[in-house]
């Protein structure tokens, strides 16, 4: 028998963590894994815009890891010891670092901040980076509020946002798209010409 997509159990604004604990849908833990889900969807969209096999494979690997992160955030920490959920490992962080190092070695050094844009794939990766940073901020807030979170989740998200930024530059170079440097305007200077 197929699983029904709607259950009506959340109609009162409550949902269940893995383990059965009921919490409001506005709970910070729900916000955290909801944001991870949003990030995963954005990465899928960005991946659809990129025609680069090595990057496509890496982004699919990251999507898989984000399901792991989501599971970690969705489980009731008081019930977790008795449950089997996928694990994030230091090797996942090291993989991101190795990818960052490899891409940076092929990129010119940054001389200014870069405006997101220039190509749909580049812009999509910047959106991924921003959503990743938001997910990271929510997870840090969970930690600050003494709501249990695996410290490796925060570390992974921090490194992932760095990876997404470097990937945006790498894909811009691959697509031969010129980076758009930010040119700050100061009060003593004239504004843009009409």
C-alpha atoms as a PDB file:
ATOM      1  CA  UNK A   1       0.000   0.000   0.000  1.00  0.00           C
ATOM      2  CA  UNK A   2       1.316   3.464  -0.885  1.00  0.00           C
ATOM      3  CA  UNK A   3       2.041   5.997   1.856  1.00  0.00           C
ATOM      4  CA  UNK A   4      -0.448   8.887   1.962  1.00  0.00           C
ATOM      5  CA  UNK A   5       1.236  12.276   1.492  1.00  0.00           C
ATOM      6  CA  UNK A   6      -1.109  14.012   3.922  1.00  0.00           C
ATOM      7  CA  UNK A   7      -1.892  12.736   7.408  1.00  0.00           C
ATOM      8  CA  UNK A   8      -3.716  15.773   8.895  1.00  0.00           C
ATOM      9  CA  UNK A   9      -1.714  15.268  12.108  1.00  0.00           C
ATOM     10  CA  UNK A  10      -0.036  18.663  11.644  1.00  0.00           C
ATOM     11  CA  UNK A  11      -3.245  20.630  11.187  1.00  0.00           C
ATOM     12  CA  UNK A  12      -3.032  21.915  14.772  1.00  0.00           C
ATOM     13  CA  UNK A  13       0.490  23.289  14.177  1.00  0.00           C
ATOM     14  CA  UNK A  14       2.358  20.411  15.801  1.00  0.00           C
ATOM     15  CA  UNK A  15       4.761  17.892  14.318  1.00  0.00           C
ATOM     16  CA  UNK A  16       6.821  14.979  15.626  1.00  0.00           C
ATOM     17  CA  UNK A  17      10.565  14.716  15.934  1.00  0.00           C
ATOM     18  CA  UNK A  18      12.151  11.375  15.090  1.00  0.00           C
ATOM     19  CA  UNK A  19      11.401   9.458  18.268  1.00  0.00           C
ATOM     20  CA  UNK A  20       7.819  10.701  18.534  1.00  0.00           C
ATOM     21  CA  UNK A  21       8.193  13.850  20.636  1.00  0.00           C
ATOM     22  CA  UNK A  22       5.566  16.422  19.582  1.00  0.00           C
ATOM     23  CA  UNK A  23       6.754  20.019  19.140  1.00  0.00           C
ATOM     24  CA  UNK A  24       5.251  23.140  17.533  1.00  0.00           C
ATOM     25  CA  UNK A  25       6.112  23.560  13.852  1.00  0.00           C
ATOM     26  CA  UNK A  26       7.666  26.883  14.878  1.00  0.00           C
ATOM     27  CA  UNK A  27      10.220  25.110  17.139  1.00  0.00           C
ATOM     28  CA  UNK A  28      13.819  26.063  16.419  1.00  0.00           C
ATOM     29  CA  UNK A  29      14.724  22.435  15.732  1.00  0.00           C
ATOM     30  CA  UNK A  30      12.046  22.306  13.006  1.00  0.00           C
ATOM     31  CA  UNK A  31      13.334  25.602  11.591  1.00  0.00           C
ATOM     32  CA  UNK A  32      16.846  24.157  11.490  1.00  0.00           C
ATOM     33  CA  UNK A  33      16.075  21.035   9.501  1.00  0.00           C
ATOM     34  CA  UNK A  34      13.535  22.898   7.373  1.00  0.00           C
ATOM     35  CA  UNK A  35      16.313  25.273   6.349  1.00  0.00           C
ATOM     36  CA  UNK A  36      18.571  22.304   5.582  1.00  0.00           C
ATOM     37  CA  UNK A  37      15.790  20.945   3.358  1.00  0.00           C
ATOM     38  CA  UNK A  38      15.552  24.347   1.623  1.00  0.00           C
ATOM     39  CA  UNK A  39      19.319  24.324   1.095  1.00  0.00           C
ATOM     40  CA  UNK A  40      19.137  20.809  -0.357  1.00  0.00           C
ATOM     41  CA  UNK A  41      16.473  21.927  -2.857  1.00  0.00           C
ATOM     42  CA  UNK A  42      18.569  24.950  -3.905  1.00  0.00           C
ATOM     43  CA  UNK A  43      21.622  22.729  -4.383  1.00  0.00           C
ATOM     44  CA  UNK A  44      19.551  20.393  -6.558  1.00  0.00           C
ATOM     45  CA  UNK A  45      18.470  23.362  -8.668  1.00  0.00           C
ATOM     46  CA  UNK A  46      22.035  24.680  -8.957  1.00  0.00           C
ATOM     47  CA  UNK A  47      23.229  21.213  -9.933  1.00  0.00           C
ATOM     48  CA  UNK A  48      20.648  21.119 -12.736  1.00  0.00           C
ATOM     49  CA  UNK A  49      22.178  24.329 -14.150  1.00  0.00           C
ATOM     50  CA  UNK A  50      25.772  23.035 -14.124  1.00  0.00           C
ATOM     51  CA  UNK A  51      27.182  20.737 -16.800  1.00  0.00           C
ATOM     52  CA  UNK A  52      30.396  19.629 -15.076  1.00  0.00           C
ATOM     53  CA  UNK A  53      30.467  15.942 -14.114  1.00  0.00           C
ATOM     54  CA  UNK A  54      32.876  16.187 -11.169  1.00  0.00           C
ATOM     55  CA  UNK A  55      30.875  19.057  -9.666  1.00  0.00           C
ATOM     56  CA  UNK A  56      27.562  17.285 -10.340  1.00  0.00           C
ATOM     57  CA  UNK A  57      28.806  14.207  -8.473  1.00  0.00           C
ATOM     58  CA  UNK A  58      30.091  16.281  -5.559  1.00  0.00           C
ATOM     59  CA  UNK A  59      26.838  18.221  -5.241  1.00  0.00           C
ATOM     60  CA  UNK A  60      24.875  14.960  -5.175  1.00  0.00           C
ATOM     61  CA  UNK A  61      27.208  13.736  -2.411  1.00  0.00           C
ATOM     62  CA  UNK A  62      26.520  16.960  -0.490  1.00  0.00           C
ATOM     63  CA  UNK A  63      22.764  16.495  -0.940  1.00  0.00           C
ATOM     64  CA  UNK A  64      23.121  13.048   0.587  1.00  0.00           C
ATOM     65  CA  UNK A  65      25.071  14.480   3.525  1.00  0.00           C
ATOM     66  CA  UNK A  66      22.397  17.159   4.006  1.00  0.00           C
ATOM     67  CA  UNK A  67      19.815  14.396   4.490  1.00  0.00           C
ATOM     68  CA  UNK A  68      22.134  13.067   7.200  1.00  0.00           C
ATOM     69  CA  UNK A  69      22.338  16.537   8.779  1.00  0.00           C
ATOM     70  CA  UNK A  70      18.555  16.856   8.578  1.00  0.00           C
ATOM     71  CA  UNK A  71      18.100  13.502  10.313  1.00  0.00           C
ATOM     72  CA  UNK A  72      20.515  14.570  13.056  1.00  0.00           C
ATOM     73  CA  UNK A  73      18.529  17.763  13.608  1.00  0.00           C
ATOM     74  CA  UNK A  74      15.124  16.030  13.426  1.00  0.00           C
ATOM     75  CA  UNK A  75      15.803  13.417  16.086  1.00  0.00           C
ATOM     76  CA  UNK A  76      14.827  13.976  19.701  1.00  0.00           C
ATOM     77  CA  UNK A  77      18.262  14.084  21.399  1.00  0.00           C
ATOM     78  CA  UNK A  78      16.850  12.407  24.518  1.00  0.00           C
ATOM     79  CA  UNK A  79      15.815   9.402  22.440  1.00  0.00           C
ATOM     80  CA  UNK A  80      18.765   9.376  20.014  1.00  0.00           C
ATOM     81  CA  UNK A  81      21.010   6.905  21.930  1.00  0.00           C
ATOM     82  CA  UNK A  82      18.508   4.115  21.252  1.00  0.00           C
ATOM     83  CA  UNK A  83      18.026   4.990  17.585  1.00  0.00           C
ATOM     84  CA  UNK A  84      19.941   4.206  14.436  1.00  0.00           C
ATOM     85  CA  UNK A  85      20.394   7.337  12.305  1.00  0.00           C
ATOM     86  CA  UNK A  86      23.005   8.139   9.659  1.00  0.00           C
ATOM     87  CA  UNK A  87      26.241   9.699  10.901  1.00  0.00           C
ATOM     88  CA  UNK A  88      28.179  12.721   9.734  1.00  0.00           C
ATOM     89  CA  UNK A  89      31.960  12.242  10.089  1.00  0.00           C
ATOM     90  CA  UNK A  90      35.103  14.350  10.042  1.00  0.00           C
ATOM     91  CA  UNK A  91      35.845  12.743   6.670  1.00  0.00           C
ATOM     92  CA  UNK A  92      32.839  14.641   5.275  1.00  0.00           C
ATOM     93  CA  UNK A  93      34.426  17.929   6.387  1.00  0.00           C
ATOM     94  CA  UNK A  94      37.840  16.883   5.028  1.00  0.00           C
ATOM     95  CA  UNK A  95      36.274  16.114   1.636  1.00  0.00           C
ATOM     96  CA  UNK A  96      34.919  19.674   1.435  1.00  0.00           C
ATOM     97  CA  UNK A  97      38.312  21.087   2.432  1.00  0.00           C
ATOM     98  CA  UNK A  98      40.103  19.014  -0.216  1.00  0.00           C
ATOM     99  CA  UNK A  99      37.642  20.214  -2.864  1.00  0.00           C
ATOM    100  CA  UNK A 100      38.086  23.844  -1.761  1.00  0.00           C
ATOM    101  CA  UNK A 101      41.883  23.539  -1.917  1.00  0.00           C
ATOM    102  CA  UNK A 102      41.787  21.941  -5.380  1.00  0.00           C
ATOM    103  CA  UNK A 103      39.488  24.622  -6.799  1.00  0.00           C
ATOM    104  CA  UNK A 104      41.380  27.508  -5.194  1.00  0.00           C
ATOM    105  CA  UNK A 105      44.631  26.303  -6.738  1.00  0.00           C
ATOM    106  CA  UNK A 106      43.033  26.824 -10.180  1.00  0.00           C
ATOM    107  CA  UNK A 107      41.561  30.271  -9.401  1.00  0.00           C
ATOM    108  CA  UNK A 108      43.143  33.719  -9.510  1.00  0.00           C
ATOM    109  CA  UNK A 109      43.465  35.363  -6.081  1.00  0.00           C
ATOM    110  CA  UNK A 110      40.552  37.543  -4.998  1.00  0.00           C
ATOM    111  CA  UNK A 111      41.354  41.238  -5.000  1.00  0.00           C
ATOM    112  CA  UNK A 112      37.906  42.506  -3.961  1.00  0.00           C
ATOM    113  CA  UNK A 113      34.509  41.314  -2.847  1.00  0.00           C
ATOM    114  CA  UNK A 114      32.512  39.770  -5.684  1.00  0.00           C
ATOM    115  CA  UNK A 115      28.913  40.568  -6.540  1.00  0.00           C
ATOM    116  CA  UNK A 116      26.774  37.462  -7.076  1.00  0.00           C
ATOM    117  CA  UNK A 117      25.763  37.095 -10.710  1.00  0.00           C
ATOM    118  CA  UNK A 118      26.977  36.766 -14.257  1.00  0.00           C
ATOM    119  CA  UNK A 119      25.322  33.422 -15.012  1.00  0.00           C
ATOM    120  CA  UNK A 120      22.322  31.511 -13.639  1.00  0.00           C
ATOM    121  CA  UNK A 121      24.530  28.707 -12.295  1.00  0.00           C
ATOM    122  CA  UNK A 122      26.820  31.167 -10.495  1.00  0.00           C
ATOM    123  CA  UNK A 123      23.867  33.052  -8.999  1.00  0.00           C
ATOM    124  CA  UNK A 124      22.222  29.786  -7.923  1.00  0.00           C
ATOM    125  CA  UNK A 125      25.400  28.768  -6.070  1.00  0.00           C
ATOM    126  CA  UNK A 126      25.460  32.118  -4.260  1.00  0.00           C
ATOM    127  CA  UNK A 127      21.858  31.524  -3.174  1.00  0.00           C
ATOM    128  CA  UNK A 128      22.959  28.104  -1.869  1.00  0.00           C
ATOM    129  CA  UNK A 129      25.787  29.778   0.047  1.00  0.00           C
ATOM    130  CA  UNK A 130      23.413  32.284   1.653  1.00  0.00           C
ATOM    131  CA  UNK A 131      20.876  29.625   2.671  1.00  0.00           C
ATOM    132  CA  UNK A 132      23.736  27.522   4.061  1.00  0.00           C
ATOM    133  CA  UNK A 133      24.895  30.448   6.205  1.00  0.00           C
ATOM    134  CA  UNK A 134      21.334  30.903   7.490  1.00  0.00           C
ATOM    135  CA  UNK A 135      21.164  27.208   8.387  1.00  0.00           C
ATOM    136  CA  UNK A 136      24.492  27.568  10.174  1.00  0.00           C
ATOM    137  CA  UNK A 137      23.234  30.596  12.151  1.00  0.00           C
ATOM    138  CA  UNK A 138      20.123  28.679  13.247  1.00  0.00           C
ATOM    139  CA  UNK A 139      22.263  25.725  14.358  1.00  0.00           C
ATOM    140  CA  UNK A 140      24.610  28.011  16.295  1.00  0.00           C
ATOM    141  CA  UNK A 141      21.570  29.545  17.990  1.00  0.00           C
ATOM    142  CA  UNK A 142      20.335  26.055  18.931  1.00  0.00           C
ATOM    143  CA  UNK A 143      23.708  25.441  20.569  1.00  0.00           C
ATOM    144  CA  UNK A 144      23.629  28.816  22.368  1.00  0.00           C
ATOM    145  CA  UNK A 145      20.149  28.016  23.699  1.00  0.00           C
ATOM    146  CA  UNK A 146      21.484  24.717  25.097  1.00  0.00           C
ATOM    147  CA  UNK A 147      19.383  22.687  22.670  1.00  0.00           C
ATOM    148  CA  UNK A 148      21.571  19.729  21.765  1.00  0.00           C
ATOM    149  CA  UNK A 149      23.184  19.769  18.357  1.00  0.00           C
ATOM    150  CA  UNK A 150      26.139  17.720  17.177  1.00  0.00           C
ATOM    151  CA  UNK A 151      29.059  20.210  16.921  1.00  0.00           C
ATOM    152  CA  UNK A 152      30.096  18.468  13.700  1.00  0.00           C
ATOM    153  CA  UNK A 153      26.888  19.734  12.056  1.00  0.00           C
ATOM    154  CA  UNK A 154      27.936  23.345  12.676  1.00  0.00           C
ATOM    155  CA  UNK A 155      31.457  22.617  11.441  1.00  0.00           C
ATOM    156  CA  UNK A 156      30.142  20.918   8.291  1.00  0.00           C
ATOM    157  CA  UNK A 157      27.789  23.797   7.457  1.00  0.00           C
ATOM    158  CA  UNK A 158      30.556  26.346   8.008  1.00  0.00           C
ATOM    159  CA  UNK A 159      32.834  24.492   5.591  1.00  0.00           C
ATOM    160  CA  UNK A 160      30.000  23.864   3.141  1.00  0.00           C
ATOM    161  CA  UNK A 161      29.284  27.580   2.793  1.00  0.00           C
ATOM    162  CA  UNK A 162      32.989  28.154   2.066  1.00  0.00           C
ATOM    163  CA  UNK A 163      32.847  25.357  -0.511  1.00  0.00           C
ATOM    164  CA  UNK A 164      29.796  26.889  -2.197  1.00  0.00           C
ATOM    165  CA  UNK A 165      31.481  30.284  -2.432  1.00  0.00           C
ATOM    166  CA  UNK A 166      34.645  28.848  -3.987  1.00  0.00           C
ATOM    167  CA  UNK A 167      32.527  26.659  -6.272  1.00  0.00           C
ATOM    168  CA  UNK A 168      30.673  29.744  -7.518  1.00  0.00           C
ATOM    169  CA  UNK A 169      34.020  31.262  -8.528  1.00  0.00           C
ATOM    170  CA  UNK A 170      35.221  27.978 -10.034  1.00  0.00           C
ATOM    171  CA  UNK A 171      32.066  27.542 -12.119  1.00  0.00           C
ATOM    172  CA  UNK A 172      32.275  31.178 -13.260  1.00  0.00           C
ATOM    173  CA  UNK A 173      35.795  30.477 -14.504  1.00  0.00           C
ATOM    174  CA  UNK A 174      34.699  27.182 -16.107  1.00  0.00           C
ATOM    175  CA  UNK A 175      31.881  29.017 -17.921  1.00  0.00           C
ATOM    176  CA  UNK A 176      34.246  31.867 -18.832  1.00  0.00           C
ATOM    177  CA  UNK A 177      32.041  34.334 -16.966  1.00  0.00           C
ATOM    178  CA  UNK A 178      33.789  37.450 -15.731  1.00  0.00           C
ATOM    179  CA  UNK A 179      33.546  38.029 -11.987  1.00  0.00           C
ATOM    180  CA  UNK A 180      31.834  41.264 -10.985  1.00  0.00           C
ATOM    181  CA  UNK A 181      33.981  43.095  -8.420  1.00  0.00           C
ATOM    182  CA  UNK A 182      32.269  45.213  -5.784  1.00  0.00           C
ATOM    183  CA  UNK A 183      33.328  48.829  -6.130  1.00  0.00           C
ATOM    184  CA  UNK A 184      32.388  50.553  -2.882  1.00  0.00           C
ATOM    185  CA  UNK A 185      31.186  54.138  -3.114  1.00  0.00           C
ATOM    186  CA  UNK A 186      32.088  56.494  -0.303  1.00  0.00           C
ATOM    187  CA  UNK A 187      30.191  59.591   0.843  1.00  0.00           C
ATOM    188  CA  UNK A 188      32.781  61.980  -0.608  1.00  0.00           C
ATOM    189  CA  UNK A 189      32.289  60.489  -4.081  1.00  0.00           C
ATOM    190  CA  UNK A 190      29.551  61.314  -6.560  1.00  0.00           C
ATOM    191  CA  UNK A 191      26.691  58.880  -6.948  1.00  0.00           C
ATOM    192  CA  UNK A 192      25.997  56.899 -10.109  1.00  0.00           C
ATOM    193  CA  UNK A 193      25.530  58.900 -13.276  1.00  0.00           C
ATOM    194  CA  UNK A 194      22.001  58.864 -14.676  1.00  0.00           C
END
